[in-house]
Structures are given as structure tokens and as C-alpha cells.
């Protein structure tokens, strides 16, 4: 195996290769060496698949534990999830290439395998075998890493499923690495995995796999969103939100509108951003168009062109659909309260009257690699009471976009967005009035939020008490 002890010079050579690989320097990666690093014994792969199929984990699913004494456990066990619906036609091609490199049993198709089943039954199978004395299963579970080939939504899906391990005290939690197949790929950009995957570069897959098992591990904040709305309204939830049913409204802090005794609630987790306003409305229209005419969206470039065209046709740039200009600003329907770091008190902050979209951002990257918060100078940070934005600092950056022209200048980084606040917790109170709907999106998944004329709708955002783990694919974070 690569880096095996007892071979003169191997340890230092492996250390040098690891360092060069992590910095993205083009080095040759031997296919057989890579397979030996990541290969999980077939009996363990078979046991994990059987556990997922039966939705249970028992010792009988693998050969007796003494077999493991003659096995050499993998140095860097790796499981790859592929979203074949991402990346246009490239997903299935990539899946085949990955299976050729590391074997079919360790490459899982997300259209066939639910990552929640992998976490709850596949990994549980390794844990059960480890408790029975199977040394190979114990080391495989301890050292396992996971690679995800897909867009930001797919990566978030896996991170959410793996987060359940922390809740269930089933550590360690495997870190995730990324092959970017989506449109924006902001998670991938933020952790050094690039803006897109270079399919013309045949050796790129081997290099990505090598970096996945040797790269350093970084931490990422994740944020829980709970929405409480008046009961009785019907709505379609995106896949990253879960219905909770009826719940009692939390009336802590300063609330302006009427609060019903019972509300309909749903929740989810985001890693990149949540937004409210015109940007989400445009995204909602784009997603509906793509669902109605899927033949139009056959890759990241086509998606961006359609999105740009749809943006120009909406009120983001031109507002003839709204008779009263005073209704265009979010200040008419929105109150924002925040908690600053190390504070338990809600503090109301003003919504700028010109702002038509509010974004709470966790990553450095947004909107396909843009930096709307900007690289702020120390004097400005001190003046506003801000700190330098980090992905693991327990803070969200809240900024506003005024209209399409302002947003365009922000996206090309000629100007920064409208800085509003940094917060450790956020609460949006949305009041209906003459507005019948608001639009929201979370990590690229938009929805139409019905509003009540009588009662307020609340969106509360709090940091998840544990952080997600992502492998850094480059020498430094972007």
C-alpha cells in the first residue's frame, strides 16, 4: 500500500505527494495504488448493501469476525455518491469512470440508494460488526470518507443525512469531498473543489479521488430554519424542507403582528444561504419552467442562459406587474430581528426601504462564485461592528439587493451588496397586508410562501450546535 511502513523512503515520498496533491499541483496518480488505498473488502460492501436493502444491521450479514484477522484494512476507505441527474449528460459517464477506478460496490447511484439508508443501516452494519470484534470493519468505519458528485443541493442532502450521526452519538462523522456537477457549485468553490468538473481532463477523476482521501478536513456551520405560518394554507415544500405539522408559536421578543394560537410548521437546514424577495421569485419561476420543459435544461451553461433570460422578463428589472411602487420594497411586509453572538436578546434592525431581496449568507461564495458581501477593509469592519466573515464563525452575513440593476453590479463585483447585519440568530416576521405571497429560497430550492392578511408568518434561523466536515480540495479556502 502507499505509505506502508517498513519500505525505505516511502513515508517521506507519500508525504510529499500528499502535499503536492492538496495544493492542486498536477501529479500522476497510479490507478492500482489508488485502489489499494480506498478498496473496502467485498464482504463488508456486501454486508452494507444487504443492511440497506433489509433496513436492519446484524452481525450475520458478514462472514465471521475471525476472517478479518487475515485482512489488511483499507488505508483510506472511500464511498462515492453520484447524482446522475446533475451535470447534464456527464453524470452517468462519470459514474462509469468511477466504477472503473475504485470498483462498482463503492460507487452508489443516488437514484437507487437513499443516503439516509446508507447512514442508518450501511454504516450501522459496520458498527455492529466492529462491536463483535471485526477489526477490519472497525477501522473502515473509523477512517471512512465520502465523496459526492453533484450540485450544492446534493452535497447538502448528504451533509444533512450524516449530521444524524452526531445527533445519535455515532461518531466519527465521515467528512465529505466534492465533484462539482451543479450550476452554481458554491460549496465546491468555497472548499477548493472548483467551479465545475473538467471532463476533458481524463486524469482529473483520479486526482480528485486522491485529494478526497488525503486532503485536510475543514469545518462548516449549518443553520436550522423553522417556518411557522397560520394553519389552513396549502403549499408545496421543496425537498430540503420537512413538514412538522401543528405547533405552538414562540412569542419571545418584540412581535408586531397578530399571532395565532396554533400554526403549521416546517423546517430544514441550509449550508450556503437563505433569501426572501425578488431573487427567490425569479428562482421559483425558473424552477417551474425547468420542471415543465426539462429538455431546455441539459447542463450548467444552458441553465444559466435560461435563468438570465427569465430574470430579464420578471419584475427584478421591470415592475409593470406591481401597480403601487411602494409595495415593491420588503420593508412593507418584513421585520427583521437578530441575536448577536454571545447574546440572548432579540434586537430589531431596520429594513432599508429600497431593498427588494434579503439574503443571509453562510459561505464566501454566492450565485456561482460571486462575493456579494465583499472583502471589507478593517476600518469599515470596525466602524460597523462587523468581523471578517468565515464559514465556521457562528455568524451569518445579512445583505440586501435593491433591484436587478443593483444586483447585476453586485454580481460582477463592481460594488458590494447593501450590508445590513451579522447575526448568530435571525427571525423574519412577514406580514401579508396587500401581499398575498412571498417568495423564499434555501440553498437554491425556492418556494412560494402564502401570507395571511390577519396573522404574521415567522421564519427563525438558528445555528445547528455541531459543524459539518468537508475535505479541503485546495491549499486554502477561496
Protein backbone atom coordinates (compact mmCIF):
# COMPACT_ATOMS: atom_id res chain seq x y z
CA UNK A 1 0.00 0.00 0.00
CA UNK A 2 1.07 3.60 -0.49
CA UNK A 3 2.93 4.83 2.52
CA UNK A 4 3.23 1.39 4.12
CA UNK A 5 5.74 1.36 6.96
CA UNK A 6 8.93 -0.60 6.58
CA UNK A 7 9.67 0.47 2.99
CA UNK A 8 12.63 2.84 2.89
CA UNK A 9 11.75 6.35 1.76
CA UNK A 10 8.05 5.57 1.23
CA UNK A 11 6.75 7.63 4.14
CA UNK A 12 8.56 10.83 3.09
CA UNK A 13 7.62 10.28 -0.57
CA UNK A 14 3.94 9.85 0.36
CA UNK A 15 4.06 12.99 2.49
CA UNK A 16 5.45 14.97 -0.45
CA UNK A 17 2.83 13.56 -2.84
CA UNK A 18 0.06 14.39 -0.36
CA UNK A 19 1.30 17.97 -0.04
CA UNK A 20 1.53 18.47 -3.81
CA UNK A 21 -1.86 16.86 -4.36
CA UNK A 22 -3.56 19.05 -1.78
CA UNK A 23 -2.16 22.14 -3.50
CA UNK A 24 -3.63 21.05 -6.82
CA UNK A 25 -0.24 20.52 -8.49
CA UNK A 26 -0.63 18.08 -11.36
CA UNK A 27 0.97 14.81 -10.32
CA UNK A 28 0.47 11.32 -11.67
CA UNK A 29 -1.81 9.08 -9.62
CA UNK A 30 -1.31 5.37 -10.10
CA UNK A 31 -4.63 3.55 -10.53
CA UNK A 32 -3.57 0.42 -8.66
CA UNK A 33 -2.11 2.40 -5.76
CA UNK A 34 -5.34 4.38 -5.56
CA UNK A 35 -7.45 1.21 -5.50
CA UNK A 36 -5.33 -0.29 -2.72
CA UNK A 37 -5.78 2.88 -0.67
CA UNK A 38 -9.55 3.07 -0.92
CA UNK A 39 -10.70 -0.53 -1.51
CA UNK A 40 -13.16 -1.81 1.11
CA UNK A 41 -13.24 -5.63 1.40
CA UNK A 42 -16.03 -7.10 -0.70
CA UNK A 43 -17.61 -8.88 2.27
CA UNK A 44 -18.08 -5.56 4.06
CA UNK A 45 -19.53 -3.86 0.97
CA UNK A 46 -21.91 -6.77 0.51
CA UNK A 47 -22.95 -6.62 4.17
CA UNK A 48 -23.60 -2.87 3.97
CA UNK A 49 -25.71 -3.23 0.83
CA UNK A 50 -27.73 -6.05 2.40
CA UNK A 51 -28.28 -3.96 5.53
CA UNK A 52 -29.59 -1.10 3.39
CA UNK A 53 -31.84 -3.46 1.44
CA UNK A 54 -33.34 -5.06 4.55
CA UNK A 55 -33.18 -1.83 6.59
CA UNK A 56 -31.51 -3.58 9.50
CA UNK A 57 -27.96 -4.31 10.64
CA UNK A 58 -26.85 -7.63 12.20
CA UNK A 59 -23.58 -9.49 12.69
CA UNK A 60 -24.82 -12.30 10.43
CA UNK A 61 -24.63 -10.05 7.39
CA UNK A 62 -20.86 -10.57 7.03
CA UNK A 63 -18.54 -13.53 7.37
CA UNK A 64 -17.37 -14.42 10.89
CA UNK A 65 -15.14 -11.86 12.56
CA UNK A 66 -12.05 -14.09 12.52
CA UNK A 67 -11.89 -13.66 8.74
CA UNK A 68 -10.99 -10.04 9.38
CA UNK A 69 -7.77 -11.05 11.15
CA UNK A 70 -6.21 -12.05 7.81
CA UNK A 71 -7.42 -8.91 6.04
CA UNK A 72 -5.48 -5.71 5.77
CA UNK A 73 -7.95 -2.86 6.38
CA UNK A 74 -8.07 -0.09 3.76
CA UNK A 75 -5.79 2.85 4.42
CA UNK A 76 -8.35 5.40 3.16
CA UNK A 77 -11.78 3.75 2.68
CA UNK A 78 -13.95 5.82 0.35
CA UNK A 79 -17.59 5.67 -0.77
CA UNK A 80 -18.75 7.83 -3.69
CA UNK A 81 -22.33 9.01 -4.25
CA UNK A 82 -23.21 10.12 -7.79
CA UNK A 83 -26.24 12.19 -8.74
CA UNK A 84 -26.65 11.14 -12.36
CA UNK A 85 -29.28 13.85 -12.87
CA UNK A 86 -26.68 16.55 -12.25
CA UNK A 87 -24.25 17.79 -14.86
CA UNK A 88 -26.42 17.17 -17.92
CA UNK A 89 -25.19 14.02 -19.70
CA UNK A 90 -21.98 13.81 -17.67
CA UNK A 91 -23.37 12.13 -14.53
CA UNK A 92 -23.70 8.59 -15.99
CA UNK A 93 -20.33 8.90 -17.76
CA UNK A 94 -18.66 9.91 -14.51
CA UNK A 95 -20.33 7.07 -12.64
CA UNK A 96 -18.89 4.55 -15.10
CA UNK A 97 -15.40 6.03 -14.83
CA UNK A 98 -15.54 5.98 -11.02
CA UNK A 99 -16.65 2.35 -11.01
CA UNK A 100 -13.76 1.53 -13.32
CA UNK A 101 -11.30 3.20 -10.94
CA UNK A 102 -12.45 2.02 -7.48
CA UNK A 103 -14.99 -0.72 -8.15
CA UNK A 104 -18.75 -0.88 -8.58
CA UNK A 105 -19.60 -1.66 -4.96
CA UNK A 106 -18.22 1.63 -3.62
CA UNK A 107 -19.92 3.89 -6.17
CA UNK A 108 -23.57 4.48 -5.27
CA UNK A 109 -26.18 5.98 -7.58
CA UNK A 110 -28.41 8.42 -5.67
CA UNK A 111 -31.37 7.44 -7.87
CA UNK A 112 -31.07 3.92 -6.47
CA UNK A 113 -29.63 4.40 -2.96
CA UNK A 114 -31.01 6.80 -0.36
CA UNK A 115 -28.12 8.36 1.60
CA UNK A 116 -30.25 8.23 4.74
CA UNK A 117 -30.40 4.43 4.39
CA UNK A 118 -26.62 4.36 3.96
CA UNK A 119 -26.18 6.29 7.22
CA UNK A 120 -28.83 4.48 9.24
CA UNK A 121 -28.18 0.93 8.03
CA UNK A 122 -24.97 0.75 5.96
CA UNK A 123 -22.74 2.48 8.49
CA UNK A 124 -24.67 0.85 11.34
CA UNK A 125 -23.74 -2.53 9.85
CA UNK A 126 -20.04 -1.65 10.14
CA UNK A 127 -20.62 -0.50 13.71
CA UNK A 128 -22.33 -3.76 14.66
CA UNK A 129 -19.53 -5.81 13.10
CA UNK A 130 -16.92 -3.66 14.87
CA UNK A 131 -18.61 -4.27 18.23
CA UNK A 132 -18.49 -8.01 17.53
CA UNK A 133 -14.70 -7.85 17.20
CA UNK A 134 -14.27 -7.36 13.46
CA UNK A 135 -11.09 -5.25 13.31
CA UNK A 136 -11.37 -4.52 9.58
CA UNK A 137 -14.94 -3.23 9.97
CA UNK A 138 -13.89 -1.06 12.92
CA UNK A 139 -11.02 0.61 11.05
CA UNK A 140 -13.10 1.02 7.88
CA UNK A 141 -15.85 2.78 9.82
CA UNK A 142 -13.37 4.98 11.69
CA UNK A 143 -11.43 6.11 8.61
CA UNK A 144 -14.22 6.31 6.06
CA UNK A 145 -14.59 9.37 3.85
CA UNK A 146 -17.38 10.14 1.40
CA UNK A 147 -17.27 11.84 -1.98
CA UNK A 148 -20.34 13.43 -3.57
CA UNK A 149 -20.67 14.03 -7.31
CA UNK A 150 -23.47 16.56 -7.74
CA UNK A 151 -24.55 20.13 -7.15
CA UNK A 152 -24.85 22.10 -3.93
CA UNK A 153 -28.28 20.61 -3.22
CA UNK A 154 -26.90 17.08 -3.46
CA UNK A 155 -23.97 17.93 -1.17
CA UNK A 156 -26.38 19.49 1.35
CA UNK A 157 -28.54 16.36 1.21
CA UNK A 158 -25.57 14.17 2.18
CA UNK A 159 -24.40 16.58 4.88
CA UNK A 160 -27.88 16.54 6.41
CA UNK A 161 -28.00 12.75 6.49
CA UNK A 162 -24.51 12.50 8.00
CA UNK A 163 -25.49 15.09 10.62
CA UNK A 164 -27.82 12.48 12.10
CA UNK A 165 -24.74 10.56 13.26
CA UNK A 166 -23.89 13.44 15.58
CA UNK A 167 -27.44 13.57 16.93
CA UNK A 168 -27.35 9.81 17.58
CA UNK A 169 -23.85 9.89 19.18
CA UNK A 170 -22.47 7.64 16.45
CA UNK A 171 -19.16 9.33 15.82
CA UNK A 172 -16.93 9.78 13.92
CA UNK A 173 -18.85 11.57 11.18
CA UNK A 174 -17.25 10.92 7.77
CA UNK A 175 -16.05 14.10 6.02
CA UNK A 176 -17.29 14.92 2.52
CA UNK A 177 -15.39 15.84 -0.63
CA UNK A 178 -16.99 17.11 -3.84
CA UNK A 179 -17.03 16.58 -7.59
CA UNK A 180 -18.98 19.67 -8.77
CA UNK A 181 -21.75 18.81 -11.24
CA UNK A 182 -24.27 21.56 -10.45
CA UNK A 183 -24.94 25.00 -11.90
CA UNK A 184 -23.58 27.26 -9.14
CA UNK A 185 -21.37 24.88 -7.13
CA UNK A 186 -20.72 27.45 -4.40
CA UNK A 187 -20.00 24.83 -1.75
CA UNK A 188 -17.45 23.26 -4.08
CA UNK A 189 -15.83 26.62 -4.82
CA UNK A 190 -15.65 27.56 -1.13
CA UNK A 191 -13.70 24.43 -0.24
CA UNK A 192 -11.27 24.31 -3.14
CA UNK A 193 -13.01 21.76 -5.39
CA UNK A 194 -13.53 24.19 -8.25
CA UNK A 195 -16.43 25.69 -10.17
CA UNK A 196 -17.04 22.71 -12.47
CA UNK A 197 -15.52 19.36 -13.25
CA UNK A 198 -13.13 19.21 -16.26
CA UNK A 199 -14.43 16.14 -18.09
CA UNK A 200 -11.99 16.60 -20.94
CA UNK A 201 -9.16 16.04 -18.46
CA UNK A 202 -9.08 12.26 -18.10
CA UNK A 203 -6.74 12.23 -15.11
CA UNK A 204 -8.87 14.74 -13.17
CA UNK A 205 -11.02 11.99 -11.66
CA UNK A 206 -8.03 10.14 -10.24
CA UNK A 207 -6.61 13.36 -8.82
CA UNK A 208 -9.95 14.24 -7.24
CA UNK A 209 -10.20 10.81 -5.62
CA UNK A 210 -6.66 11.12 -4.32
CA UNK A 211 -7.34 14.56 -2.84
CA UNK A 212 -10.58 13.22 -1.33
CA UNK A 213 -8.66 10.73 0.83
CA UNK A 214 -5.59 12.86 1.61
CA UNK A 215 -6.94 16.42 1.91
CA UNK A 216 -7.22 18.23 5.27
CA UNK A 217 -10.63 18.45 6.94
CA UNK A 218 -12.39 21.80 7.42
CA UNK A 219 -15.46 22.73 9.44
CA UNK A 220 -18.64 24.35 8.16
CA UNK A 221 -21.50 25.92 10.10
CA UNK A 222 -25.01 24.72 9.28
CA UNK A 223 -28.24 26.53 10.05
CA UNK A 224 -31.67 25.26 11.04
CA UNK A 225 -34.68 27.09 9.61
CA UNK A 226 -38.13 26.81 11.19
CA UNK A 227 -41.13 28.40 9.48
CA UNK A 228 -44.38 28.91 11.40
CA UNK A 229 -47.36 30.07 9.35
CA UNK A 230 -51.10 30.35 10.05
CA UNK A 231 -52.78 26.96 9.65
CA UNK A 232 -55.10 26.35 6.73
CA UNK A 233 -52.88 27.46 3.83
CA UNK A 234 -51.76 24.86 1.29
CA UNK A 235 -48.25 24.90 -0.18
CA UNK A 236 -45.71 22.69 -1.92
CA UNK A 237 -42.50 22.26 0.04
CA UNK A 238 -39.11 21.74 -1.64
CA UNK A 239 -37.24 18.54 -0.79
CA UNK A 240 -34.96 20.27 1.73
CA UNK A 241 -37.89 21.22 3.99
CA UNK A 242 -39.81 18.80 6.23
CA UNK A 243 -43.35 19.20 7.49
CA UNK A 244 -43.72 19.27 11.29
CA UNK A 245 -47.50 19.74 11.46
CA UNK A 246 -49.18 21.91 14.06
CA UNK A 247 -47.03 23.69 16.61
CA UNK A 248 -47.29 26.44 19.21
CA UNK A 249 -45.92 29.84 18.25
CA UNK A 250 -42.90 31.16 20.16
CA UNK A 251 -43.74 34.73 21.17
CA UNK A 252 -40.31 35.62 22.58
CA UNK A 253 -39.10 39.12 21.73
CA UNK A 254 -40.81 42.03 20.01
CA UNK A 255 -43.62 40.89 17.70
CA UNK A 256 -45.69 43.40 15.77
CA UNK A 257 -48.46 41.35 14.12
CA UNK A 258 -51.18 39.05 15.42
CA UNK A 259 -50.06 35.55 16.41
CA UNK A 260 -52.42 32.56 16.13
CA UNK A 261 -52.53 30.05 18.98
CA UNK A 262 -51.69 27.21 16.60
CA UNK A 263 -49.60 27.32 13.46
CA UNK A 264 -48.48 25.00 10.68
CA UNK A 265 -44.71 24.49 10.87
CA UNK A 266 -41.95 23.09 8.70
CA UNK A 267 -38.16 23.09 8.98
CA UNK A 268 -34.92 22.43 7.14
CA UNK A 269 -31.17 23.01 7.22
CA UNK A 270 -29.06 25.16 4.91
CA UNK A 271 -25.32 25.47 4.44
CA UNK A 272 -24.98 28.32 1.95
CA UNK A 273 -27.82 30.85 2.13
CA UNK A 274 -31.49 31.61 2.66
CA UNK A 275 -33.17 34.52 0.89
CA UNK A 276 -36.50 36.30 0.74
CA UNK A 277 -37.79 38.50 -2.06
CA UNK A 278 -37.42 39.07 -5.76
CA UNK A 279 -34.34 36.85 -6.27
CA UNK A 280 -36.31 33.91 -4.86
CA UNK A 281 -39.29 34.80 -7.07
CA UNK A 282 -37.10 34.62 -10.15
CA UNK A 283 -35.64 31.29 -8.97
CA UNK A 284 -39.14 29.94 -8.35
CA UNK A 285 -40.22 30.82 -11.88
CA UNK A 286 -37.06 29.31 -13.35
CA UNK A 287 -37.52 26.03 -11.46
CA UNK A 288 -41.15 25.77 -12.60
CA UNK A 289 -40.11 26.40 -16.19
CA UNK A 290 -37.40 23.74 -15.95
CA UNK A 291 -39.87 21.23 -14.48
CA UNK A 292 -42.40 21.92 -17.24
CA UNK A 293 -39.80 21.82 -20.03
CA UNK A 294 -36.89 19.65 -18.80
CA UNK A 295 -35.46 19.39 -22.32
CA UNK A 296 -34.38 23.03 -22.03
CA UNK A 297 -32.08 22.35 -19.06
CA UNK A 298 -29.39 19.95 -20.23
CA UNK A 299 -26.33 21.37 -18.48
CA UNK A 300 -24.92 24.21 -16.35
CA UNK A 301 -24.42 26.62 -19.28
CA UNK A 302 -27.95 26.09 -20.61
CA UNK A 303 -29.35 26.55 -17.09
CA UNK A 304 -27.53 29.87 -16.69
CA UNK A 305 -28.75 31.15 -20.06
CA UNK A 306 -32.36 30.22 -19.25
CA UNK A 307 -32.03 31.76 -15.81
CA UNK A 308 -30.66 35.01 -17.26
CA UNK A 309 -33.48 35.19 -19.80
CA UNK A 310 -36.10 34.51 -17.16
CA UNK A 311 -34.60 37.15 -14.87
CA UNK A 312 -34.93 39.83 -17.56
CA UNK A 313 -38.62 39.01 -18.03
CA UNK A 314 -39.51 39.43 -14.35
CA UNK A 315 -40.08 42.41 -12.10
CA UNK A 316 -36.49 42.17 -10.91
CA UNK A 317 -35.62 44.66 -13.64
CA UNK A 318 -39.01 45.91 -14.78
CA UNK A 319 -42.00 46.29 -12.48
CA UNK A 320 -45.16 46.84 -14.57
CA UNK A 321 -46.87 43.98 -12.74
CA UNK A 322 -46.98 45.95 -9.47
CA UNK A 323 -49.39 48.89 -9.58
CA UNK A 324 -48.22 50.56 -6.38
CA UNK A 325 -44.43 51.17 -6.35
CA UNK A 326 -44.50 51.46 -2.55
CA UNK A 327 -45.30 47.75 -2.35
CA UNK A 328 -42.09 46.74 -4.11
CA UNK A 329 -39.80 47.13 -1.10
CA UNK A 330 -39.62 44.38 1.51
CA UNK A 331 -39.93 46.99 4.25
CA UNK A 332 -43.71 46.87 3.58
CA UNK A 333 -44.02 43.25 4.70
CA UNK A 334 -40.90 42.39 6.70
CA UNK A 335 -39.46 42.96 10.17
CA UNK A 336 -36.02 41.54 10.99
CA UNK A 337 -34.83 40.69 14.49
CA UNK A 338 -31.38 39.28 15.24
CA UNK A 339 -29.34 37.94 18.12
CA UNK A 340 -25.71 38.95 18.12
CA UNK A 341 -23.04 36.47 19.13
CA UNK A 342 -22.96 35.72 22.87
CA UNK A 343 -26.33 37.45 23.36
CA UNK A 344 -29.76 36.03 24.22
CA UNK A 345 -31.71 39.21 23.42
CA UNK A 346 -33.55 39.81 20.16
CA UNK A 347 -32.69 43.14 18.57
CA UNK A 348 -34.77 44.65 15.78
CA UNK A 349 -32.86 46.04 12.81
CA UNK A 350 -34.33 48.30 10.11
CA UNK A 351 -35.03 47.00 6.61
CA UNK A 352 -33.70 49.54 4.05
CA UNK A 353 -36.70 50.89 2.09
CA UNK A 354 -35.11 50.26 -1.32
CA UNK A 355 -34.25 46.59 -0.71
CA UNK A 356 -36.23 44.02 -2.69
CA UNK A 357 -34.29 40.90 -1.69
CA UNK A 358 -32.75 39.94 1.66
CA UNK A 359 -30.04 37.26 1.81
CA UNK A 360 -28.50 35.60 4.88
CA UNK A 361 -25.19 34.12 3.69
CA UNK A 362 -23.01 31.48 5.34
CA UNK A 363 -20.35 30.85 2.67
CA UNK A 364 -17.97 33.24 0.94
CA UNK A 365 -19.45 32.28 -2.45
CA UNK A 366 -22.95 33.02 -3.71
CA UNK A 367 -24.59 32.97 -7.14
CA UNK A 368 -21.94 30.86 -8.93
CA UNK A 369 -18.83 32.16 -7.22
CA UNK A 370 -19.73 35.80 -6.61
CA UNK A 371 -18.74 37.60 -3.39
CA UNK A 372 -21.64 39.99 -2.63
CA UNK A 373 -20.51 40.69 0.94
CA UNK A 374 -17.17 41.83 -0.46
CA UNK A 375 -13.69 41.97 1.01
CA UNK A 376 -14.27 44.66 3.60
CA UNK A 377 -11.46 46.81 4.94
CA UNK A 378 -10.59 46.62 8.65
CA UNK A 379 -11.64 50.24 9.23
CA UNK A 380 -15.10 49.58 7.77
CA UNK A 381 -15.49 46.38 9.79
CA UNK A 382 -14.65 48.24 12.99
CA UNK A 383 -16.99 51.11 12.14
CA UNK A 384 -19.95 48.80 11.51
CA UNK A 385 -19.14 46.43 14.37
CA UNK A 386 -18.55 43.55 11.94
CA UNK A 387 -15.89 40.83 11.93
CA UNK A 388 -14.26 39.18 8.93
CA UNK A 389 -16.66 36.60 7.50
CA UNK A 390 -15.75 32.94 7.95
CA UNK A 391 -17.62 29.70 7.20
CA UNK A 392 -17.23 28.46 10.78
CA UNK A 393 -17.59 31.62 12.89
CA UNK A 394 -21.18 31.07 14.04
CA UNK A 395 -22.39 34.15 12.14
CA UNK A 396 -24.50 34.84 9.07
CA UNK A 397 -23.94 37.88 6.88
CA UNK A 398 -27.24 39.64 6.06
CA UNK A 399 -27.28 41.83 2.97
CA UNK A 400 -29.84 43.35 0.62
CA UNK A 401 -30.23 43.73 -3.13
CA UNK A 402 -32.19 46.73 -4.36
CA UNK A 403 -33.27 45.67 -7.85
CA UNK A 404 -31.91 43.82 -10.86
CA UNK A 405 -29.56 46.58 -11.94
CA UNK A 406 -28.07 46.86 -8.46
CA UNK A 407 -27.86 43.06 -8.19
CA UNK A 408 -26.07 42.91 -11.55
CA UNK A 409 -23.37 45.32 -10.40
CA UNK A 410 -23.01 43.31 -7.17
CA UNK A 411 -22.71 40.03 -9.09
CA UNK A 412 -19.91 41.38 -11.29
CA UNK A 413 -18.30 42.66 -8.09
CA UNK A 414 -18.17 46.31 -9.12
CA UNK A 415 -19.90 47.16 -5.83
CA UNK A 416 -20.80 45.35 -2.63
CA UNK A 417 -24.34 44.49 -1.63
CA UNK A 418 -26.23 46.59 0.93
CA UNK A 419 -24.71 45.45 4.23
CA UNK A 420 -27.37 45.04 6.90
CA UNK A 421 -26.00 42.97 9.81
CA UNK A 422 -24.07 39.97 11.06
CA UNK A 423 -26.11 37.68 13.29
CA UNK A 424 -25.90 34.49 15.35
CA UNK A 425 -29.68 34.02 15.01
CA UNK A 426 -32.31 35.66 12.81
CA UNK A 427 -36.08 35.99 12.86
CA UNK A 428 -38.14 37.25 9.94
CA UNK A 429 -41.69 38.37 10.69
CA UNK A 430 -43.61 38.56 7.41
CA UNK A 431 -46.92 40.41 7.38
CA UNK A 432 -49.35 39.96 4.50
CA UNK A 433 -51.50 43.04 4.02
CA UNK A 434 -51.86 43.61 0.28
CA UNK A 435 -49.21 40.95 -0.44
CA UNK A 436 -50.77 37.52 -0.96
CA UNK A 437 -47.47 35.62 -1.32
CA UNK A 438 -43.79 35.99 -0.58
CA UNK A 439 -41.02 34.01 -2.27
CA UNK A 440 -38.15 32.33 -0.45
CA UNK A 441 -35.28 30.04 -1.35
CA UNK A 442 -32.81 28.00 0.62
CA UNK A 443 -29.61 26.73 -1.00
CA UNK A 444 -31.18 27.11 -4.43
CA UNK A 445 -34.51 25.44 -3.60
CA UNK A 446 -37.29 28.06 -3.93
CA UNK A 447 -40.87 28.03 -2.69
CA UNK A 448 -43.91 30.29 -2.66
CA UNK A 449 -44.81 31.30 0.89
CA UNK A 450 -48.54 32.17 1.28
CA UNK A 451 -49.23 35.16 3.53
CA UNK A 452 -52.18 35.93 5.76
CA UNK A 453 -53.84 39.34 6.00
CA UNK A 454 -54.66 38.65 9.63
CA UNK A 455 -51.64 36.85 11.10
CA UNK A 456 -47.86 37.06 10.75
CA UNK A 457 -45.64 34.29 9.38
CA UNK A 458 -42.33 33.70 11.18
CA UNK A 459 -39.03 32.36 9.87
CA UNK A 460 -36.49 31.60 12.60
CA UNK A 461 -32.87 30.75 11.81
CA UNK A 462 -30.54 29.27 14.44
CA UNK A 463 -27.13 27.65 14.18
CA UNK A 464 -27.02 23.87 14.41
CA UNK A 465 -24.99 23.04 17.57
CA UNK A 466 -22.45 20.93 15.67
CA UNK A 467 -20.48 21.61 12.50
CA UNK A 468 -20.27 19.67 9.25
CA UNK A 469 -16.96 18.29 7.99
CA UNK A 470 -15.72 18.93 4.45
CA UNK A 471 -12.40 17.94 2.90
CA UNK A 472 -10.45 20.93 1.55
CA UNK A 473 -9.65 20.26 -2.10
CA UNK A 474 -7.08 23.05 -2.39
CA UNK A 475 -4.26 24.64 -0.40
CA UNK A 476 -6.54 27.33 1.01
CA UNK A 477 -10.20 28.28 1.10
CA UNK A 478 -11.44 30.61 -1.62
